[in-house]
PDB file of N, CA and C in Angstrom:
ATOM      1  N   MET A   1     142.327  48.452 105.281  1.00  0.00           N
ATOM      2  CA  MET A   1     141.632  47.682 104.259  1.00  0.00           C
ATOM      3  C   MET A   1     140.609  46.674 104.586  1.00  0.00           C
ATOM      4  N   SER A   2     141.651  46.024 105.216  1.00  0.00           N
ATOM      5  CA  SER A   2     141.003  44.707 106.198  1.00  0.00           C
ATOM      6  C   SER A   2     139.708  44.607 107.265  1.00  0.00           C
ATOM      7  N   ARG A   3     140.294  46.042 108.004  1.00  0.00           N
ATOM      8  CA  ARG A   3     139.087  46.814 108.676  1.00  0.00           C
ATOM      9  C   ARG A   3     137.844  46.252 107.974  1.00  0.00           C
ATOM     10  N   ILE A   4     137.652  47.257 106.581  1.00  0.00           N
ATOM     11  CA  ILE A   4     136.419  47.254 105.786  1.00  0.00           C
ATOM     12  C   ILE A   4     136.294  46.040 105.366  1.00  0.00           C
ATOM     13  N   LYS A   5     136.677  45.201 105.154  1.00  0.00           N
ATOM     14  CA  LYS A   5     136.593  43.845 104.696  1.00  0.00           C
ATOM     15  C   LYS A   5     135.587  42.815 105.667  1.00  0.00           C
ATOM     16  N   GLU A   6     136.443  42.922 107.300  1.00  0.00           N
ATOM     17  CA  GLU A   6     135.560  42.706 108.327  1.00  0.00           C
ATOM     18  C   GLU A   6     134.007  43.097 108.231  1.00  0.00           C
ATOM     19  N   PHE A   7     134.483  44.463 108.409  1.00  0.00           N
ATOM     20  CA  PHE A   7     132.596  44.835 108.697  1.00  0.00           C
ATOM     21  C   PHE A   7     131.795  44.682 107.668  1.00  0.00           C
ATOM     22  N   TYR A   8     132.315  44.464 106.375  1.00  0.00           N
ATOM     23  CA  TYR A   8     131.654  44.106 104.814  1.00  0.00           C
ATOM     24  C   TYR A   8     131.070  42.607 105.708  1.00  0.00           C
ATOM     25  N   LYS A   9     131.928  41.631 105.504  1.00  0.00           N
ATOM     26  CA  LYS A   9     131.262  40.061 106.165  1.00  0.00           C
ATOM     27  C   LYS A   9     130.915  39.967 107.211  1.00  0.00           C
ATOM     28  N   LYS A  10     131.004  40.940 108.064  1.00  0.00           N
ATOM     29  CA  LYS A  10     130.318  40.397 109.614  1.00  0.00           C
ATOM     30  C   LYS A  10     129.234  41.336 109.691  1.00  0.00           C
ATOM     31  N   TYR A  11     128.806  42.541 108.449  1.00  0.00           N
ATOM     32  CA  TYR A  11     127.408  42.806 108.674  1.00  0.00           C
ATOM     33  C   TYR A  11     126.605  42.606 107.358  1.00  0.00           C
ATOM     34  N   PHE A  12     126.838  43.030 106.130  1.00  0.00           N
ATOM     35  CA  PHE A  12     126.494  42.793 104.830  1.00  0.00           C
ATOM     36  C   PHE A  12     127.199  41.837 104.306  1.00  0.00           C
ATOM     37  N   SER A  13     127.483  40.827 104.461  1.00  0.00           N
ATOM     38  CA  SER A  13     127.846  39.898 103.457  1.00  0.00           C
ATOM     39  C   SER A  13     126.961  39.164 103.100  1.00  0.00           C
ATOM     40  N   TRP A  14     125.903  39.113 103.619  1.00  0.00           N
ATOM     41  CA  TRP A  14     124.314  38.812 102.807  1.00  0.00           C
ATOM     42  C   TRP A  14     123.896  39.522 101.648  1.00  0.00           C
ATOM     43  N   ILE A  15     124.529  40.846 101.477  1.00  0.00           N
ATOM     44  CA  ILE A  15     124.084  41.650 100.585  1.00  0.00           C
ATOM     45  C   ILE A  15     125.198  41.821  99.289  1.00  0.00           C
ATOM     46  N   ASN A  16     124.723  41.725  98.209  1.00  0.00           N
ATOM     47  CA  ASN A  16     125.546  41.848  97.068  1.00  0.00           C
ATOM     48  C   ASN A  16     126.582  43.350  97.311  1.00  0.00           C
ATOM     49  N   ALA A  17     127.368  43.529  96.704  1.00  0.00           N
ATOM     50  CA  ALA A  17     128.305  44.474  96.548  1.00  0.00           C
ATOM     51  C   ALA A  17     127.923  46.014  95.975  1.00  0.00           C
ATOM     52  N   TYR A  18     127.601  45.448  94.933  1.00  0.00           N
ATOM     53  CA  TYR A  18     126.751  45.974  93.995  1.00  0.00           C
ATOM     54  C   TYR A  18     125.470  46.498  94.399  1.00  0.00           C
ATOM     55  N   TRP A  19     124.667  45.655  94.990  1.00  0.00           N
ATOM     56  CA  TRP A  19     123.073  46.397  95.497  1.00  0.00           C
ATOM     57  C   TRP A  19     123.832  47.336  97.054  1.00  0.00           C
ATOM     58  N   LEU A  20     124.962  47.040  97.437  1.00  0.00           N
ATOM     59  CA  LEU A  20     125.108  47.945  98.554  1.00  0.00           C
ATOM     60  C   LEU A  20     125.423  49.184  98.146  1.00  0.00           C
ATOM     61  N   ILE A  21     126.216  49.584  96.983  1.00  0.00           N
ATOM     62  CA  ILE A  21     126.553  50.542  96.343  1.00  0.00           C
ATOM     63  C   ILE A  21     125.510  51.195  96.166  1.00  0.00           C
ATOM     64  N   THR A  22     124.804  50.984  95.500  1.00  0.00           N
ATOM     65  CA  THR A  22     123.147  51.175  95.063  1.00  0.00           C
ATOM     66  C   THR A  22     122.673  51.618  95.889  1.00  0.00           C
ATOM     67  N   ILE A  23     122.016  50.749  97.075  1.00  0.00           N
ATOM     68  CA  ILE A  23     121.630  51.773  97.758  1.00  0.00           C
ATOM     69  C   ILE A  23     122.326  52.937  98.952  1.00  0.00           C
ATOM     70  N   VAL A  24     123.590  52.960  98.813  1.00  0.00           N
ATOM     71  CA  VAL A  24     124.308  53.862  99.566  1.00  0.00           C
ATOM     72  C   VAL A  24     123.752  55.402  99.106  1.00  0.00           C
ATOM     73  N   PHE A  25     124.152  54.886  96.993  1.00  0.00           N
ATOM     74  CA  PHE A  25     124.307  55.696  96.092  1.00  0.00           C
ATOM     75  C   PHE A  25     122.522  56.514  96.149  1.00  0.00           C
ATOM     76  N   LEU A  26     121.663  55.962  95.985  1.00  0.00           N
ATOM     77  CA  LEU A  26     120.502  56.239  96.375  1.00  0.00           C
ATOM     78  C   LEU A  26     119.903  57.108  97.616  1.00  0.00           C
ATOM     79  N   ALA A  27     120.916  56.447  98.943  1.00  0.00           N
ATOM     80  CA  ALA A  27     120.369  56.965  99.979  1.00  0.00           C
ATOM     81  C   ALA A  27     120.929  58.690 100.018  1.00  0.00           C
ATOM     82  N   LEU A  28     122.090  58.733  99.325  1.00  0.00           N
ATOM     83  CA  LEU A  28     122.564  59.756  99.220  1.00  0.00           C
ATOM     84  C   LEU A  28     122.044  60.948  98.626  1.00  0.00           C
ATOM     85  N   THR A  29     122.138  60.232  97.242  1.00  0.00           N
ATOM     86  CA  THR A  29     121.228  61.207  96.523  1.00  0.00           C
ATOM     87  C   THR A  29     119.467  61.493  96.689  1.00  0.00           C
ATOM     88  N   LEU A  30     118.802  60.752  97.584  1.00  0.00           N
ATOM     89  CA  LEU A  30     117.342  61.164  98.157  1.00  0.00           C
ATOM     90  C   LEU A  30     117.486  62.092  99.390  1.00  0.00           C
ATOM     91  N   THR A  31     118.538  61.869  99.927  1.00  0.00           N
ATOM     92  CA  THR A  31     118.524  63.103 101.305  1.00  0.00           C
ATOM     93  C   THR A  31     119.749  63.984 101.089  1.00  0.00           C
ATOM     94  N   ALA A  32     120.795  63.700 100.973  1.00  0.00           N
ATOM     95  CA  ALA A  32     121.979  65.066 100.935  1.00  0.00           C
ATOM     96  C   ALA A  32     122.082  66.109 100.009  1.00  0.00           C
ATOM     97  N   GLY A  33     122.248  67.177 100.210  1.00  0.00           N
ATOM     98  CA  GLY A  33     122.329  68.285  99.488  1.00  0.00           C
ATOM     99  C   GLY A  33     121.236  68.939  99.048  1.00  0.00           C
ATOM    100  N   ASP A  34     121.857  69.941  98.069  1.00  0.00           N
ATOM    101  CA  ASP A  34     120.801  70.737  97.291  1.00  0.00           C
ATOM    102  C   ASP A  34     119.642  70.209  96.783  1.00  0.00           C
ATOM    103  N   SER A  35     120.281  68.813  95.690  1.00  0.00           N
ATOM    104  CA  SER A  35     119.471  68.481  94.860  1.00  0.00           C
ATOM    105  C   SER A  35     118.615  67.061  95.343  1.00  0.00           C
ATOM    106  N   SER A  36     118.405  67.533  96.458  1.00  0.00           N
ATOM    107  CA  SER A  36     117.983  65.679  97.211  1.00  0.00           C
ATOM    108  C   SER A  36     116.265  66.214  96.877  1.00  0.00           C
ATOM    109  N   LEU A  37     115.083  65.135  97.200  1.00  0.00           N
ATOM    110  CA  LEU A  37     114.037  65.260  96.883  1.00  0.00           C
ATOM    111  C   LEU A  37     112.925  66.059  97.873  1.00  0.00           C
ATOM    112  N   TYR A  38     113.717  66.249  99.056  1.00  0.00           N
ATOM    113  CA  TYR A  38     113.173  67.151  99.883  1.00  0.00           C
ATOM    114  C   TYR A  38     113.187  68.643  99.314  1.00  0.00           C
ATOM    115  N   MET A  39     114.469  68.929  99.068  1.00  0.00           N
ATOM    116  CA  MET A  39     114.819  70.416  98.859  1.00  0.00           C
ATOM    117  C   MET A  39     114.070  70.619  97.378  1.00  0.00           C
ATOM    118  N   ARG A  40     114.404  70.018  96.249  1.00  0.00           N
ATOM    119  CA  ARG A  40     113.272  70.178  95.330  1.00  0.00           C
ATOM    120  C   ARG A  40     111.580  70.338  95.280  1.00  0.00           C
ATOM    121  N   TYR A  41     111.351  69.334  96.354  1.00  0.00           N
ATOM    122  CA  TYR A  41     109.857  69.848  96.770  1.00  0.00           C
ATOM    123  C   TYR A  41     109.944  71.258  97.061  1.00  0.00           C
ATOM    124  N   GLN A  42     110.252  71.922  97.565  1.00  0.00           N
ATOM    125  CA  GLN A  42     110.555  72.792  98.314  1.00  0.00           C
ATOM    126  C   GLN A  42     110.730  73.720  97.398  1.00  0.00           C
ATOM    127  N   TYR A  43     111.652  73.591  96.578  1.00  0.00           N
ATOM    128  CA  TYR A  43     111.831  74.424  95.485  1.00  0.00           C
ATOM    129  C   TYR A  43     110.749  74.922  94.440  1.00  0.00           C
ATOM    130  N   ASP A  44     109.989  73.261  94.121  1.00  0.00           N
ATOM    131  CA  ASP A  44     108.664  73.196  93.236  1.00  0.00           C
ATOM    132  C   ASP A  44     107.758  74.325  93.924  1.00  0.00           C
ATOM    133  N   GLU A  45     107.675  74.213  95.655  1.00  0.00           N
ATOM    134  CA  GLU A  45     106.470  74.936  95.809  1.00  0.00           C
ATOM    135  C   GLU A  45     106.847  76.042  95.941  1.00  0.00           C
ATOM    136  N   LYS A  46     108.132  76.986  96.223  1.00  0.00           N
ATOM    137  CA  LYS A  46     108.453  78.362  96.014  1.00  0.00           C
ATOM    138  C   LYS A  46     108.076  78.792  94.528  1.00  0.00           C
ATOM    139  N   ILE A  47     108.593  77.862  93.605  1.00  0.00           N
ATOM    140  CA  ILE A  47     108.234  78.462  92.250  1.00  0.00           C
ATOM    141  C   ILE A  47     106.945  78.377  91.725  1.00  0.00           C
ATOM    142  N   ARG A  48     105.890  77.572  92.641  1.00  0.00           N
ATOM    143  CA  ARG A  48     104.782  77.792  92.376  1.00  0.00           C
ATOM    144  C   ARG A  48     104.097  78.948  93.175  1.00  0.00           C
ATOM    145  N   SER A  49     104.159  79.385  94.411  1.00  0.00           N
ATOM    146  CA  SER A  49     103.902  80.151  94.967  1.00  0.00           C
ATOM    147  C   SER A  49     104.127  81.941  93.957  1.00  0.00           C
ATOM    148  N   LEU A  50     105.661  81.471  93.545  1.00  0.00           N
ATOM    149  CA  LEU A  50     105.832  82.688  93.255  1.00  0.00           C
ATOM    150  C   LEU A  50     105.470  83.102  91.067  1.00  0.00           C
ATOM    151  N   GLU A  51     104.693  81.939  90.813  1.00  0.00           N
ATOM    152  CA  GLU A  51     103.965  82.034  89.417  1.00  0.00           C
ATOM    153  C   GLU A  51     102.663  82.651  89.846  1.00  0.00           C
ATOM    154  N   LYS A  52     101.921  82.010  90.646  1.00  0.00           N
ATOM    155  CA  LYS A  52     100.303  82.496  91.531  1.00  0.00           C
ATOM    156  C   LYS A  52     101.025  84.333  91.364  1.00  0.00           C
ATOM    157  N   GLU A  53     101.930  84.545  92.493  1.00  0.00           N
ATOM    158  CA  GLU A  53     101.877  86.254  92.712  1.00  0.00           C
ATOM    159  C   GLU A  53     102.009  86.785  90.912  1.00  0.00           C
ATOM    160  N   ILE A  54     102.988  86.119  90.362  1.00  0.00           N
ATOM    161  CA  ILE A  54     103.026  86.840  89.034  1.00  0.00           C
ATOM    162  C   ILE A  54     101.840  86.939  88.189  1.00  0.00           C
ATOM    163  N   LYS A  55     101.082  86.443  88.195  1.00  0.00           N
ATOM    164  CA  LYS A  55      99.729  86.349  87.804  1.00  0.00           C
ATOM    165  C   LYS A  55      98.593  87.322  88.447  1.00  0.00           C
ATOM    166  N   GLY A  56      98.857  87.491  89.597  1.00  0.00           N
ATOM    167  CA  GLY A  56      98.086  88.505  90.549  1.00  0.00           C
ATOM    168  C   GLY A  56      98.722  89.865  90.013  1.00  0.00           C
ATOM    169  N   TYR A  57      99.837  89.554  89.593  1.00  0.00           N
ATOM    170  CA  TYR A  57     100.600  91.389  89.554  1.00  0.00           C
ATOM    171  C   TYR A  57     100.296  91.459  88.067  1.00  0.00           C
ATOM    172  N   GLN A  58      99.629  90.391  86.880  1.00  0.00           N
ATOM    173  CA  GLN A  58      99.967  91.124  85.441  1.00  0.00           C
ATOM    174  C   GLN A  58      98.176  90.932  85.793  1.00  0.00           C
ATOM    175  N   GLU A  59      97.155  89.873  86.445  1.00  0.00           N
ATOM    176  CA  GLU A  59      95.741  90.876  86.167  1.00  0.00           C
ATOM    177  C   GLU A  59      95.625  92.194  86.591  1.00  0.00           C
ATOM    178  N   GLU A  60      96.754  92.560  87.927  1.00  0.00           N
ATOM    179  CA  GLU A  60      96.237  93.737  88.147  1.00  0.00           C
ATOM    180  C   GLU A  60      96.826  95.105  87.821  1.00  0.00           C
ATOM    181  N   ILE A  61      98.536  94.792  86.841  1.00  0.00           N
ATOM    182  CA  ILE A  61      98.505  95.574  85.567  1.00  0.00           C
ATOM    183  C   ILE A  61      97.803  95.844  84.463  1.00  0.00           C
ATOM    184  N   LYS A  62      96.887  94.717  84.063  1.00  0.00           N
ATOM    185  CA  LYS A  62      95.937  94.635  83.139  1.00  0.00           C
ATOM    186  C   LYS A  62      94.892  95.673  83.230  1.00  0.00           C
ATOM    187  N   GLU A  63      94.350  95.050  84.437  1.00  0.00           N
ATOM    188  CA  GLU A  63      93.435  96.294  85.029  1.00  0.00           C
ATOM    189  C   GLU A  63      93.647  97.960  85.402  1.00  0.00           C
ATOM    190  N   ASN A  64      94.697  98.110  85.789  1.00  0.00           N
ATOM    191  CA  ASN A  64      95.387  99.741  86.181  1.00  0.00           C
ATOM    192  C   ASN A  64      95.429 100.022  84.419  1.00  0.00           C
ATOM    193  N   ARG A  65      95.577  99.008  83.577  1.00  0.00           N
ATOM    194  CA  ARG A  65      96.040  99.499  82.185  1.00  0.00           C
ATOM    195  C   ARG A  65      94.430  99.952  81.672  1.00  0.00           C
ATOM    196  N   GLU A  66      93.690  99.196  81.872  1.00  0.00           N
ATOM    197  CA  GLU A  66      92.188  99.643  81.315  1.00  0.00           C
ATOM    198  C   GLU A  66      91.868 100.734  82.187  1.00  0.00           C
ATOM    199  N   LYS A  67      91.822 101.017  83.188  1.00  0.00           N
ATOM    200  CA  LYS A  67      91.467 102.437  84.136  1.00  0.00           C
ATOM    201  C   LYS A  67      92.307 103.782  83.482  1.00  0.00           C
ATOM    202  N   LEU A  68      93.182 103.238  83.061  1.00  0.00           N
ATOM    203  CA  LEU A  68      94.191 103.992  82.662  1.00  0.00           C
ATOM    204  C   LEU A  68      93.879 104.684  81.378  1.00  0.00           C
ATOM    205  N   ASN A  69      93.305 103.665  80.401  1.00  0.00           N
ATOM    206  CA  ASN A  69      93.090 104.107  78.873  1.00  0.00           C
ATOM    207  C   ASN A  69      91.996 104.584  79.088  1.00  0.00           C
ATOM    208  N   ALA A  70      90.982 104.532  80.052  1.00  0.00           N
ATOM    209  CA  ALA A  70      89.938 104.897  80.346  1.00  0.00           C
ATOM    210  C   ALA A  70      89.464 106.360  81.027  1.00  0.00           C
ATOM    211  N   LEU A  71      90.280 107.159  81.867  1.00  0.00           N
ATOM    212  CA  LEU A  71      90.898 108.116  82.116  1.00  0.00           C
ATOM    213  C   LEU A  71      91.754 108.976  81.257  1.00  0.00           C
ATOM    214  N   GLN A  72      92.077 108.658  80.111  1.00  0.00           N
ATOM    215  CA  GLN A  72      92.725 109.067  79.002  1.00  0.00           C
ATOM    216  C   GLN A  72      91.857 109.487  77.764  1.00  0.00           C
ATOM    217  N   THR A  73      90.716 108.737  77.852  1.00  0.00           N
ATOM    218  CA  THR A  73      89.766 108.548  76.881  1.00  0.00           C
ATOM    219  C   THR A  73      88.512 109.363  77.178  1.00  0.00           C
ATOM    220  N   ASP A  74      88.050 109.202  78.563  1.00  0.00           N
ATOM    221  CA  ASP A  74      87.095 109.560  78.699  1.00  0.00           C
ATOM    222  C   ASP A  74      86.770 110.912  79.460  1.00  0.00           C
ATOM    223  N   ARG A  75      86.318 111.948  79.076  1.00  0.00           N
ATOM    224  CA  ARG A  75      86.439 113.294  79.865  1.00  0.00           C
ATOM    225  C   ARG A  75      85.423 113.419  81.130  1.00  0.00           C
ATOM    226  N   GLU A  76      84.373 112.362  80.894  1.00  0.00           N
ATOM    227  CA  GLU A  76      83.390 112.452  82.177  1.00  0.00           C
ATOM    228  C   GLU A  76      84.149 111.349  83.342  1.00  0.00           C
ATOM    229  N   GLY A  77      84.511 110.432  82.801  1.00  0.00           N
ATOM    230  CA  GLY A  77      85.105 109.342  83.714  1.00  0.00           C
ATOM    231  C   GLY A  77      86.591 110.243  84.672  1.00  0.00           C
ATOM    232  N   LEU A  78      87.397 110.822  83.637  1.00  0.00           N
ATOM    233  CA  LEU A  78      88.185 111.195  84.638  1.00  0.00           C
ATOM    234  C   LEU A  78      87.906 112.384  85.945  1.00  0.00           C
ATOM    235  N   GLU A  79      86.838 113.427  84.983  1.00  0.00           N
ATOM    236  CA  GLU A  79      86.500 114.425  86.230  1.00  0.00           C
ATOM    237  C   GLU A  79      85.599 113.335  87.556  1.00  0.00           C
ATOM    238  N   ARG A  80      85.088 112.308  87.216  1.00  0.00           N
ATOM    239  CA  ARG A  80      84.325 111.797  88.160  1.00  0.00           C
ATOM    240  C   ARG A  80      85.601 110.758  89.282  1.00  0.00           C
ATOM    241  N   PHE A  81      86.674 110.217  88.307  1.00  0.00           N
ATOM    242  CA  PHE A  81      87.718 109.829  89.341  1.00  0.00           C
ATOM    243  C   PHE A  81      88.477 111.051  90.128  1.00  0.00           C
ATOM    244  N   ALA A  82      88.353 112.418  89.339  1.00  0.00           N
ATOM    245  CA  ALA A  82      89.152 113.321  90.121  1.00  0.00           C
ATOM    246  C   ALA A  82      87.725 113.594  91.448  1.00  0.00           C
ATOM    247  N   ARG A  83      87.418 113.819  91.421  1.00  0.00           N
ATOM    248  CA  ARG A  83      86.101 114.072  92.147  1.00  0.00           C
ATOM    249  C   ARG A  83      85.867 113.005  93.610  1.00  0.00           C
ATOM    250  N   GLU A  84      85.943 111.572  93.139  1.00  0.00           N
ATOM    251  CA  GLU A  84      85.940 110.362  94.272  1.00  0.00           C
ATOM    252  C   GLU A  84      87.205 110.307  94.926  1.00  0.00           C
ATOM    253  N   GLU A  85      88.157 110.401  94.329  1.00  0.00           N
ATOM    254  CA  GLU A  85      89.542 109.764  94.726  1.00  0.00           C
ATOM    255  C   GLU A  85      89.982 111.034  95.516  1.00  0.00           C
ATOM    256  N   TYR A  86      90.248 112.040  94.837  1.00  0.00           N
ATOM    257  CA  TYR A  86      90.863 113.446  95.342  1.00  0.00           C
ATOM    258  C   TYR A  86      90.205 114.521  95.911  1.00  0.00           C
ATOM    259  N   PHE A  87      88.725 114.063  95.612  1.00  0.00           N
ATOM    260  CA  PHE A  87      87.414 115.626  96.606  1.00  0.00           C
ATOM    261  C   PHE A  87      87.930 116.653  95.841  1.00  0.00           C
ATOM    262  N   MET A  88      88.017 116.882  94.374  1.00  0.00           N
ATOM    263  CA  MET A  88      87.898 118.031  93.684  1.00  0.00           C
ATOM    264  C   MET A  88      86.776 118.614  93.265  1.00  0.00           C
ATOM    265  N   LYS A  89      86.483 119.949  93.310  1.00  0.00           N
ATOM    266  CA  LYS A  89      85.211 120.402  92.867  1.00  0.00           C
ATOM    267  C   LYS A  89      85.390 121.653  92.198  1.00  0.00           C
ATOM    268  N   LYS A  90      84.177 122.011  91.591  1.00  0.00           N
ATOM    269  CA  LYS A  90      84.224 123.314  90.826  1.00  0.00           C
ATOM    270  C   LYS A  90      84.675 124.619  91.476  1.00  0.00           C
ATOM    271  N   ALA A  91      84.643 125.084  90.714  1.00  0.00           N
ATOM    272  CA  ALA A  91      84.786 126.672  91.768  1.00  0.00           C
ATOM    273  C   ALA A  91      83.463 127.031  92.183  1.00  0.00           C
ATOM    274  N   ASN A  92      82.302 126.867  91.580  1.00  0.00           N
ATOM    275  CA  ASN A  92      81.057 127.449  92.327  1.00  0.00           C
ATOM    276  C   ASN A  92      80.064 125.984  92.913  1.00  0.00           C
ATOM    277  N   GLU A  93      80.706 125.170  93.540  1.00  0.00           N
ATOM    278  CA  GLU A  93      79.649 124.196  93.996  1.00  0.00           C
ATOM    279  C   GLU A  93      80.720 124.156  95.689  1.00  0.00           C
ATOM    280  N   ASP A  94      79.698 123.618  96.762  1.00  0.00           N
ATOM    281  CA  ASP A  94      80.224 122.793  98.285  1.00  0.00           C
ATOM    282  C   ASP A  94      80.050 121.506  97.606  1.00  0.00           C
ATOM    283  N   LEU A  95      81.080 121.349  98.619  1.00  0.00           N
ATOM    284  CA  LEU A  95      81.732 119.666  98.851  1.00  0.00           C
ATOM    285  C   LEU A  95      81.363 119.275 100.043  1.00  0.00           C
ATOM    286  N   PHE A  96      80.974 118.347 100.084  1.00  0.00           N
ATOM    287  CA  PHE A  96      80.285 117.418 101.325  1.00  0.00           C
ATOM    288  C   PHE A  96      80.877 115.656 101.228  1.00  0.00           C
ATOM    289  N   ILE A  97      81.647 115.629 102.545  1.00  0.00           N
ATOM    290  CA  ILE A  97      82.275 114.234 102.296  1.00  0.00           C
ATOM    291  C   ILE A  97      81.497 113.455 103.548  1.00  0.00           C
ATOM    292  N   ILE A  98      80.950 112.341 103.294  1.00  0.00           N
ATOM    293  CA  ILE A  98      80.431 111.577 104.337  1.00  0.00           C
ATOM    294  C   ILE A  98      80.998 110.421 104.318  1.00  0.00           C
ATOM    295  N   LYS A  99      81.722 110.109 105.675  1.00  0.00           N
ATOM    296  CA  LYS A  99      82.547 109.382 105.857  1.00  0.00           C
ATOM    297  C   LYS A  99      81.611 107.715 106.299  1.00  0.00           C
ATOM    298  N   GLU A 100      81.417 106.920 106.207  1.00  0.00           N
ATOM    299  CA  GLU A 100      80.988 105.644 106.269  1.00  0.00           C
ATOM    300  C   GLU A 100      82.009 104.914 107.525  1.00  0.00           C
ATOM    301  N   LYS A 101      80.596 104.337 108.537  1.00  0.00           N
ATOM    302  CA  LYS A 101      81.669 103.913 109.959  1.00  0.00           C
ATOM    303  C   LYS A 101      81.709 102.240 109.345  1.00  0.00           C
TER     304      LYS A 101
END
């Protein structure tokens, strides 16, 4: 214990003990462990990016629901979709596929 007191008197005697403890506590709080400010900033960035991703997926789900509803209610739209996406045709017609470069 005397070594600690000697070290304190030699290097930190000009600092009040309460201030020294406060500074050490703040330094540990801000830099050490998973709850440091740096890690909290990284976690907040990750949360923001995931929330953006969630919004994107929710918009995509909304668009797909609207398309599905349109396909289920509109017979002509369903026929057009089948012709464009799956190259389906009626029995008495020919189908020509033109690929764009």
